[in-house]
N, C-alpha and C. Protein backbone atom coordinates (compact mmCIF):
# COMPACT_ATOMS: atom_id res chain seq x y z
N MET A 1 -30.67 -66.54 -55.66
CA MET A 1 -31.19 -66.52 -53.63
C MET A 1 -31.84 -65.84 -52.97
N PRO A 2 -33.11 -65.65 -52.75
CA PRO A 2 -34.22 -65.05 -52.22
C PRO A 2 -33.43 -63.37 -52.14
N VAL A 3 -35.07 -63.13 -53.06
CA VAL A 3 -34.41 -61.32 -52.19
C VAL A 3 -34.26 -61.18 -50.36
N GLY A 4 -35.04 -61.53 -49.98
CA GLY A 4 -35.57 -61.21 -48.95
C GLY A 4 -33.63 -61.75 -47.98
N ARG A 5 -32.92 -62.43 -48.57
CA ARG A 5 -31.48 -63.33 -48.10
C ARG A 5 -31.18 -62.22 -48.68
N THR A 6 -30.77 -61.52 -50.08
CA THR A 6 -29.93 -60.40 -50.39
C THR A 6 -30.14 -59.22 -49.38
N LEU A 7 -31.30 -58.47 -49.41
CA LEU A 7 -30.97 -57.87 -48.24
C LEU A 7 -30.45 -58.00 -47.06
N LEU A 8 -30.94 -58.64 -46.88
CA LEU A 8 -30.28 -59.19 -45.26
C LEU A 8 -29.01 -58.88 -45.54
N ALA A 9 -28.45 -59.71 -46.50
CA ALA A 9 -27.16 -59.33 -46.42
C ALA A 9 -26.52 -58.71 -46.92
N VAL A 10 -27.23 -57.29 -47.64
CA VAL A 10 -26.35 -56.37 -47.74
C VAL A 10 -26.93 -55.63 -46.33
N ALA A 11 -27.51 -55.54 -45.79
CA ALA A 11 -27.52 -54.61 -44.55
C ALA A 11 -27.00 -55.19 -43.62
N ARG A 12 -26.79 -56.21 -43.52
CA ARG A 12 -25.76 -56.64 -42.66
C ARG A 12 -23.81 -56.46 -43.23
N ALA A 13 -23.25 -56.49 -44.22
CA ALA A 13 -22.46 -56.61 -44.74
C ALA A 13 -22.65 -54.67 -44.69
N GLU A 14 -23.10 -53.74 -44.69
CA GLU A 14 -22.79 -52.35 -44.46
C GLU A 14 -22.69 -51.96 -42.41
N ASP A 15 -23.94 -52.34 -42.04
CA ASP A 15 -23.61 -52.70 -40.83
C ASP A 15 -22.36 -52.76 -40.28
N ALA A 16 -21.83 -53.95 -40.76
CA ALA A 16 -20.42 -54.09 -40.30
C ALA A 16 -19.47 -53.07 -41.04
N ALA A 17 -19.62 -52.77 -42.08
CA ALA A 17 -18.82 -51.72 -42.55
C ALA A 17 -19.29 -50.53 -41.65
N ARG A 18 -20.27 -50.07 -41.03
CA ARG A 18 -20.08 -48.83 -40.18
C ARG A 18 -19.54 -48.87 -39.00
N ARG A 19 -19.50 -50.48 -38.36
CA ARG A 19 -18.74 -50.87 -37.10
C ARG A 19 -17.11 -50.48 -37.33
N ALA A 20 -17.21 -51.29 -38.60
CA ALA A 20 -15.52 -51.06 -38.71
C ALA A 20 -14.98 -49.67 -38.72
N GLU A 21 -15.86 -48.72 -39.38
CA GLU A 21 -15.10 -47.66 -39.28
C GLU A 21 -15.18 -47.20 -38.07
N LEU A 22 -16.57 -46.90 -37.60
CA LEU A 22 -16.85 -46.82 -36.07
C LEU A 22 -15.65 -47.12 -35.05
N ALA A 23 -15.01 -47.88 -34.88
CA ALA A 23 -13.65 -49.03 -34.63
C ALA A 23 -12.60 -47.51 -34.30
N ALA A 24 -12.75 -47.76 -36.15
CA ALA A 24 -11.32 -47.11 -37.25
C ALA A 24 -10.93 -46.16 -36.54
N SER A 25 -11.91 -45.03 -36.07
CA SER A 25 -12.61 -43.72 -35.86
C SER A 25 -11.52 -43.16 -34.02
N THR A 26 -12.18 -45.06 -33.48
CA THR A 26 -11.99 -44.33 -32.34
C THR A 26 -10.94 -44.87 -31.73
N ARG A 27 -10.01 -45.50 -32.70
CA ARG A 27 -8.47 -46.14 -32.38
C ARG A 27 -7.93 -44.65 -32.70
N ARG A 28 -8.11 -44.30 -33.75
CA ARG A 28 -7.28 -43.04 -34.42
C ARG A 28 -7.71 -41.54 -33.45
N ALA A 29 -8.70 -41.39 -32.81
CA ALA A 29 -9.02 -40.49 -31.80
C ALA A 29 -8.15 -40.11 -30.46
N GLU A 30 -8.03 -41.79 -30.54
CA GLU A 30 -7.06 -43.03 -28.78
C GLU A 30 -5.71 -42.50 -29.07
N ALA A 31 -5.29 -42.46 -30.21
CA ALA A 31 -3.61 -42.22 -30.86
C ALA A 31 -3.64 -41.17 -30.65
N ALA A 32 -4.71 -40.10 -30.80
CA ALA A 32 -4.26 -38.72 -31.31
C ALA A 32 -3.72 -37.78 -29.75
N ARG A 33 -5.12 -38.79 -28.82
CA ARG A 33 -5.10 -37.94 -27.36
C ARG A 33 -3.79 -39.09 -26.42
N ALA A 34 -3.55 -40.03 -27.11
CA ALA A 34 -1.89 -40.03 -26.57
C ALA A 34 -1.03 -39.66 -27.33
N GLN A 35 -0.94 -39.40 -27.91
CA GLN A 35 0.39 -38.53 -28.77
C GLN A 35 0.47 -37.19 -28.24
N ARG A 36 -0.79 -36.57 -28.09
CA ARG A 36 -0.43 -34.78 -27.23
C ARG A 36 0.00 -35.45 -25.89
N LEU A 37 -0.44 -37.15 -24.96
CA LEU A 37 0.59 -36.69 -24.02
C LEU A 37 2.35 -37.20 -24.06
N ILE A 38 2.06 -37.97 -25.24
CA ILE A 38 3.64 -38.21 -25.67
C ILE A 38 4.36 -37.00 -26.23
N ASP A 39 3.66 -35.89 -26.79
CA ASP A 39 4.88 -34.32 -27.41
C ASP A 39 5.14 -34.23 -25.83
N ASP A 40 4.09 -33.93 -24.99
CA ASP A 40 4.25 -33.01 -23.66
C ASP A 40 5.39 -33.54 -22.41
N PHE A 41 5.29 -35.07 -23.01
CA PHE A 41 6.04 -35.84 -22.12
C PHE A 41 7.69 -35.35 -22.49
N VAL A 42 8.32 -36.26 -24.11
CA VAL A 42 8.37 -35.43 -24.57
C VAL A 42 9.59 -33.83 -24.39
N ALA A 43 8.67 -32.73 -24.68
CA ALA A 43 9.11 -31.61 -23.94
C ALA A 43 9.31 -31.50 -22.61
N ALA A 44 8.95 -32.33 -21.59
CA ALA A 44 8.97 -31.77 -20.62
C ALA A 44 10.42 -32.74 -20.36
N ALA A 45 10.71 -33.96 -20.53
CA ALA A 45 11.50 -34.56 -20.81
C ALA A 45 13.56 -33.93 -20.49
N GLU A 46 12.73 -33.64 -21.61
CA GLU A 46 14.14 -32.27 -22.35
C GLU A 46 14.45 -30.80 -21.51
N ARG A 47 13.12 -30.53 -21.13
CA ARG A 47 13.11 -29.11 -20.29
C ARG A 47 13.80 -30.52 -18.70
N ALA A 48 13.78 -31.11 -17.95
CA ALA A 48 14.50 -31.23 -16.79
C ALA A 48 15.43 -32.36 -17.41
N GLY A 49 15.52 -32.07 -18.76
CA GLY A 49 16.96 -32.41 -18.36
C GLY A 49 17.67 -33.76 -18.87
N ILE A 50 16.60 -34.38 -18.81
CA ILE A 50 16.76 -35.75 -18.93
C ILE A 50 16.95 -36.83 -20.29
N ALA A 51 18.21 -37.30 -20.07
CA ALA A 51 19.28 -37.60 -20.92
C ALA A 51 18.18 -39.51 -21.99
N ALA A 52 18.30 -39.25 -23.04
CA ALA A 52 17.79 -40.03 -23.92
C ALA A 52 18.59 -41.12 -24.15
N GLU A 53 18.72 -42.31 -24.35
CA GLU A 53 19.32 -43.21 -24.51
C GLU A 53 19.34 -44.07 -25.39
N PRO A 54 20.40 -44.50 -27.12
CA PRO A 54 19.87 -45.36 -27.75
C PRO A 54 18.84 -46.16 -27.51
N LEU A 55 17.86 -46.91 -28.08
CA LEU A 55 16.99 -47.48 -28.07
C LEU A 55 17.93 -48.93 -29.02
N GLN A 56 17.46 -49.95 -27.41
CA GLN A 56 18.03 -51.33 -28.41
C GLN A 56 16.48 -52.08 -28.25
N ALA A 57 16.26 -53.26 -29.75
CA ALA A 57 15.26 -53.80 -29.48
C ALA A 57 15.25 -55.05 -29.08
N ARG A 58 14.88 -55.63 -28.98
CA ARG A 58 14.67 -57.70 -28.88
C ARG A 58 13.79 -58.05 -30.03
N LEU A 59 14.85 -59.14 -30.37
CA LEU A 59 14.19 -59.91 -32.13
C LEU A 59 13.21 -60.89 -31.23
N LEU A 60 12.72 -61.61 -32.40
CA LEU A 60 11.62 -62.95 -31.41
C LEU A 60 12.51 -63.60 -30.86
N THR A 61 13.59 -64.05 -30.95
CA THR A 61 14.81 -65.22 -31.02
C THR A 61 15.15 -64.13 -29.34
N GLY A 62 15.28 -63.07 -28.97
CA GLY A 62 15.71 -62.88 -27.95
C GLY A 62 16.49 -62.59 -27.65
N GLN A 63 17.67 -62.24 -29.03
CA GLN A 63 18.87 -61.32 -29.01
C GLN A 63 18.26 -60.07 -28.89
N ARG A 64 19.01 -58.76 -27.97
CA ARG A 64 19.39 -57.35 -28.21
C ARG A 64 19.82 -57.05 -29.33
N VAL A 65 19.16 -56.15 -30.04
CA VAL A 65 19.84 -55.12 -31.14
C VAL A 65 19.74 -53.86 -31.14
N ARG A 66 20.80 -53.63 -31.87
CA ARG A 66 20.35 -51.91 -31.88
C ARG A 66 19.36 -51.50 -32.55
N THR A 67 19.42 -50.28 -32.44
CA THR A 67 18.17 -49.52 -33.32
C THR A 67 18.82 -48.45 -33.78
N ASP A 68 17.86 -47.58 -34.38
CA ASP A 68 18.36 -46.24 -35.54
C ASP A 68 17.43 -45.03 -34.83
N ARG A 69 17.47 -45.23 -33.03
CA ARG A 69 16.44 -44.57 -32.62
C ARG A 69 17.15 -44.26 -31.34
N SER A 70 16.49 -43.40 -30.76
CA SER A 70 17.36 -42.86 -29.56
C SER A 70 16.00 -42.59 -28.83
N GLY A 71 15.94 -42.92 -26.99
CA GLY A 71 14.84 -42.06 -26.50
C GLY A 71 14.59 -42.45 -25.54
N TRP A 72 13.30 -42.54 -25.19
CA TRP A 72 13.24 -43.14 -23.32
C TRP A 72 12.77 -44.76 -23.32
N TYR A 73 13.12 -45.10 -22.52
CA TYR A 73 12.23 -46.69 -22.64
C TYR A 73 11.42 -46.26 -21.08
N LEU A 74 9.57 -46.97 -21.64
CA LEU A 74 8.56 -46.68 -20.69
C LEU A 74 8.60 -48.08 -19.55
N ARG A 75 8.93 -49.05 -19.69
CA ARG A 75 8.99 -50.16 -19.56
C ARG A 75 9.63 -51.44 -19.16
N ARG A 76 10.13 -51.52 -17.67
CA ARG A 76 10.34 -52.07 -17.46
C ARG A 76 11.83 -53.44 -17.81
N ASP A 77 10.87 -54.18 -18.59
CA ASP A 77 11.22 -54.98 -19.73
C ASP A 77 11.64 -54.79 -20.95
N ARG A 78 11.77 -53.33 -21.11
CA ARG A 78 12.96 -51.83 -22.51
C ARG A 78 11.47 -52.09 -23.76
N SER A 79 10.62 -52.26 -22.92
CA SER A 79 9.24 -53.57 -24.60
C SER A 79 8.86 -52.29 -25.10
N ILE A 80 8.63 -51.73 -24.40
CA ILE A 80 8.36 -49.84 -25.02
C ILE A 80 9.28 -49.15 -25.23
N ALA A 81 9.25 -48.23 -26.39
CA ALA A 81 9.20 -47.21 -25.73
C ALA A 81 9.18 -45.43 -26.39
N ILE A 82 9.58 -43.76 -26.15
CA ILE A 82 9.31 -43.30 -26.93
C ILE A 82 10.16 -42.49 -27.07
N GLY A 83 10.63 -41.81 -28.82
CA GLY A 83 11.62 -42.17 -29.09
C GLY A 83 11.17 -40.20 -29.34
N THR A 84 12.84 -40.02 -29.52
CA THR A 84 12.78 -38.13 -29.35
C THR A 84 12.77 -37.57 -30.39
N ASP A 85 12.05 -38.26 -31.64
CA ASP A 85 11.11 -38.30 -32.21
C ASP A 85 9.78 -37.99 -31.98
N GLY A 86 9.20 -38.39 -31.00
CA GLY A 86 7.35 -38.76 -30.32
C GLY A 86 7.17 -39.21 -30.65
N GLY A 87 7.89 -40.54 -31.79
CA GLY A 87 7.45 -41.67 -31.98
C GLY A 87 7.32 -42.65 -30.89
N TYR A 88 6.13 -43.39 -31.06
CA TYR A 88 5.95 -44.47 -30.03
C TYR A 88 6.51 -45.70 -30.35
N TYR A 89 7.06 -46.50 -29.53
CA TYR A 89 7.75 -47.75 -30.65
C TYR A 89 8.29 -48.58 -29.53
N ALA A 90 7.32 -50.06 -30.31
CA ALA A 90 7.79 -50.95 -29.10
C ALA A 90 8.46 -52.07 -30.03
N LEU A 91 9.11 -52.17 -29.19
CA LEU A 91 10.70 -52.58 -29.49
C LEU A 91 10.62 -54.10 -29.13
N LEU A 92 10.11 -54.89 -30.03
CA LEU A 92 10.01 -56.63 -30.12
C LEU A 92 9.05 -56.41 -31.63
N VAL A 93 10.68 -56.98 -31.68
CA VAL A 93 10.84 -56.71 -34.19
C VAL A 93 11.69 -58.10 -34.69
N PRO A 94 11.07 -58.38 -35.76
CA PRO A 94 11.02 -59.97 -36.79
C PRO A 94 12.64 -59.44 -36.78
N GLY A 95 13.59 -60.80 -37.47
CA GLY A 95 14.53 -59.88 -37.71
C GLY A 95 15.17 -61.39 -37.95
N GLY A 96 16.74 -61.00 -38.41
CA GLY A 96 17.49 -62.30 -38.21
C GLY A 96 19.60 -61.71 -37.99
N LEU A 97 20.21 -61.98 -39.00
CA LEU A 97 21.05 -62.24 -39.19
C LEU A 97 21.52 -60.41 -39.39
N ARG A 98 21.11 -60.59 -40.18
CA ARG A 98 21.08 -58.86 -41.08
C ARG A 98 21.07 -58.05 -39.55
N GLU A 99 20.07 -57.84 -38.69
CA GLU A 99 19.46 -57.13 -37.21
C GLU A 99 20.43 -56.54 -36.50
N ARG A 100 21.38 -58.67 -36.77
CA ARG A 100 22.09 -58.57 -35.40
C ARG A 100 23.18 -57.53 -35.64
N PHE A 101 23.44 -57.52 -36.67
CA PHE A 101 24.62 -57.13 -37.66
C PHE A 101 24.63 -54.90 -38.18
N ARG A 102 23.51 -54.97 -38.44
CA ARG A 102 23.09 -53.68 -38.54
C ARG A 102 21.94 -53.41 -38.31
N GLY A 103 21.41 -53.62 -37.73
CA GLY A 103 20.91 -52.99 -36.12
C GLY A 103 18.70 -53.22 -36.80
N ALA A 104 18.23 -52.83 -36.29
CA ALA A 104 16.89 -52.50 -36.63
C ALA A 104 16.64 -51.73 -36.96
N ARG A 105 15.37 -51.24 -38.02
CA ARG A 105 15.45 -49.80 -38.30
C ARG A 105 13.68 -50.19 -37.69
N LEU A 106 13.60 -48.81 -36.92
CA LEU A 106 12.00 -48.87 -35.77
C LEU A 106 11.26 -48.03 -36.98
N GLN A 107 10.09 -48.28 -36.64
CA GLN A 107 8.85 -47.69 -37.07
C GLN A 107 7.90 -47.32 -35.70
N PRO A 108 7.45 -46.28 -35.61
CA PRO A 108 6.30 -45.62 -35.01
C PRO A 108 5.39 -46.30 -35.16
N SER A 109 4.43 -46.74 -33.85
CA SER A 109 3.22 -47.10 -34.05
C SER A 109 2.66 -46.13 -32.94
N PRO A 110 0.65 -46.66 -33.69
CA PRO A 110 0.08 -45.10 -32.97
C PRO A 110 -0.37 -45.83 -31.54
N PRO A 111 -0.06 -44.75 -30.97
CA PRO A 111 0.31 -44.95 -29.92
C PRO A 111 -0.80 -45.65 -28.65
N PRO A 112 -1.29 -45.70 -28.01
CA PRO A 112 -2.87 -46.39 -27.28
C PRO A 112 -2.23 -45.67 -25.78
N MET A 113 -4.11 -44.86 -25.41
CA MET A 113 -3.88 -44.78 -24.05
C MET A 113 -3.60 -45.99 -23.03
N ILE A 114 -4.25 -46.83 -23.37
CA ILE A 114 -3.48 -48.14 -21.94
C ILE A 114 -2.13 -48.85 -22.78
N VAL A 115 -0.82 -48.76 -21.44
CA VAL A 115 0.16 -49.37 -22.03
C VAL A 115 -0.29 -50.98 -21.83
N GLY A 116 0.31 -51.50 -22.54
CA GLY A 116 0.20 -52.68 -22.82
C GLY A 116 -1.47 -53.79 -22.62
N ARG A 117 -2.45 -53.33 -23.38
CA ARG A 117 -3.74 -53.53 -23.26
C ARG A 117 -3.64 -55.18 -23.76
N GLY A 118 -4.51 -55.51 -23.22
CA GLY A 118 -4.50 -57.32 -23.67
C GLY A 118 -3.10 -58.42 -23.68
N GLY A 119 -2.29 -57.69 -22.57
CA GLY A 119 -0.64 -58.14 -22.85
C GLY A 119 -0.98 -59.37 -21.95
N LYS A 120 -0.21 -60.04 -21.76
CA LYS A 120 0.03 -61.05 -20.47
C LYS A 120 0.91 -60.45 -19.56
N ASP A 121 1.98 -59.54 -19.41
CA ASP A 121 3.40 -59.91 -18.68
C ASP A 121 2.31 -59.04 -17.48
N GLY A 122 1.89 -58.36 -17.07
CA GLY A 122 1.41 -57.65 -15.22
C GLY A 122 1.57 -56.53 -15.88
N GLU A 123 2.56 -55.45 -16.48
CA GLU A 123 2.16 -54.56 -16.17
C GLU A 123 2.17 -53.50 -17.57
N THR A 124 1.12 -53.68 -16.83
CA THR A 124 -0.26 -52.33 -17.44
C THR A 124 -0.69 -51.38 -16.71
N GLY A 125 -1.29 -49.88 -17.94
CA GLY A 125 -1.42 -48.86 -16.99
C GLY A 125 -1.79 -48.38 -18.16
N ASP A 126 -2.35 -47.45 -17.58
CA ASP A 126 -2.57 -45.76 -18.61
C ASP A 126 -1.01 -45.05 -18.66
N LEU A 127 -0.90 -44.62 -20.06
CA LEU A 127 -0.02 -44.53 -20.74
C LEU A 127 0.56 -43.00 -20.12
N SER A 128 -0.50 -41.79 -19.84
CA SER A 128 -0.40 -41.62 -18.45
C SER A 128 0.56 -41.83 -17.18
N PHE A 129 0.42 -42.40 -16.62
CA PHE A 129 0.92 -43.34 -15.34
C PHE A 129 2.22 -43.41 -16.02
N PHE A 130 2.98 -43.88 -17.06
CA PHE A 130 4.74 -45.01 -17.44
C PHE A 130 5.25 -43.43 -18.17
N LEU A 131 4.36 -42.68 -18.20
CA LEU A 131 5.04 -41.09 -18.55
C LEU A 131 5.37 -40.48 -17.04
N ASP A 132 4.35 -40.43 -16.63
CA ASP A 132 4.62 -39.51 -15.55
C ASP A 132 5.95 -40.39 -14.47
N ARG A 133 5.92 -42.18 -14.44
CA ARG A 133 7.08 -42.03 -14.17
C ARG A 133 8.35 -42.16 -14.39
N ARG A 134 8.74 -42.70 -15.95
CA ARG A 134 9.49 -42.11 -15.91
C ARG A 134 10.03 -40.65 -16.30
N LEU A 135 9.31 -39.58 -16.05
CA LEU A 135 10.22 -38.04 -15.61
C LEU A 135 10.41 -38.21 -13.95
N ALA A 136 9.47 -38.89 -13.03
CA ALA A 136 10.44 -39.12 -11.79
C ALA A 136 11.27 -39.38 -11.65
N GLU A 137 12.33 -40.74 -12.32
CA GLU A 137 13.03 -42.01 -12.52
C GLU A 137 14.04 -40.27 -12.89
N GLY A 138 13.80 -39.34 -13.85
CA GLY A 138 15.15 -38.76 -14.01
C GLY A 138 15.66 -39.32 -15.17
């Protein structure tokens, strides 16, 4: 391979690595801002006496299963919730027979500032809108 092409390939790889790091940094900053909103929501819900409920997840097969978390659903289809621990949970999970009997173990996801970004179901919006709506509903 000629030297010019090698240098160009190295420059492109370095540029791609910089873009990837910038994108990751942006996602981390967004998640930190969203987490502050969630922490404020959890405190406000507890002050207002809004009871958390046991969360249920939906398996890829469509069946509902219990989980190891309690919290507040944000979307009307119950696909996103905030846990009492301040975690942001997507409630569509893989699983099978074991999860149907034992329940699903949820892991929090980095929270986005825009709920449903890239989704096709129409219930998309700012995280603050969903949190405020849930507080208003009691």
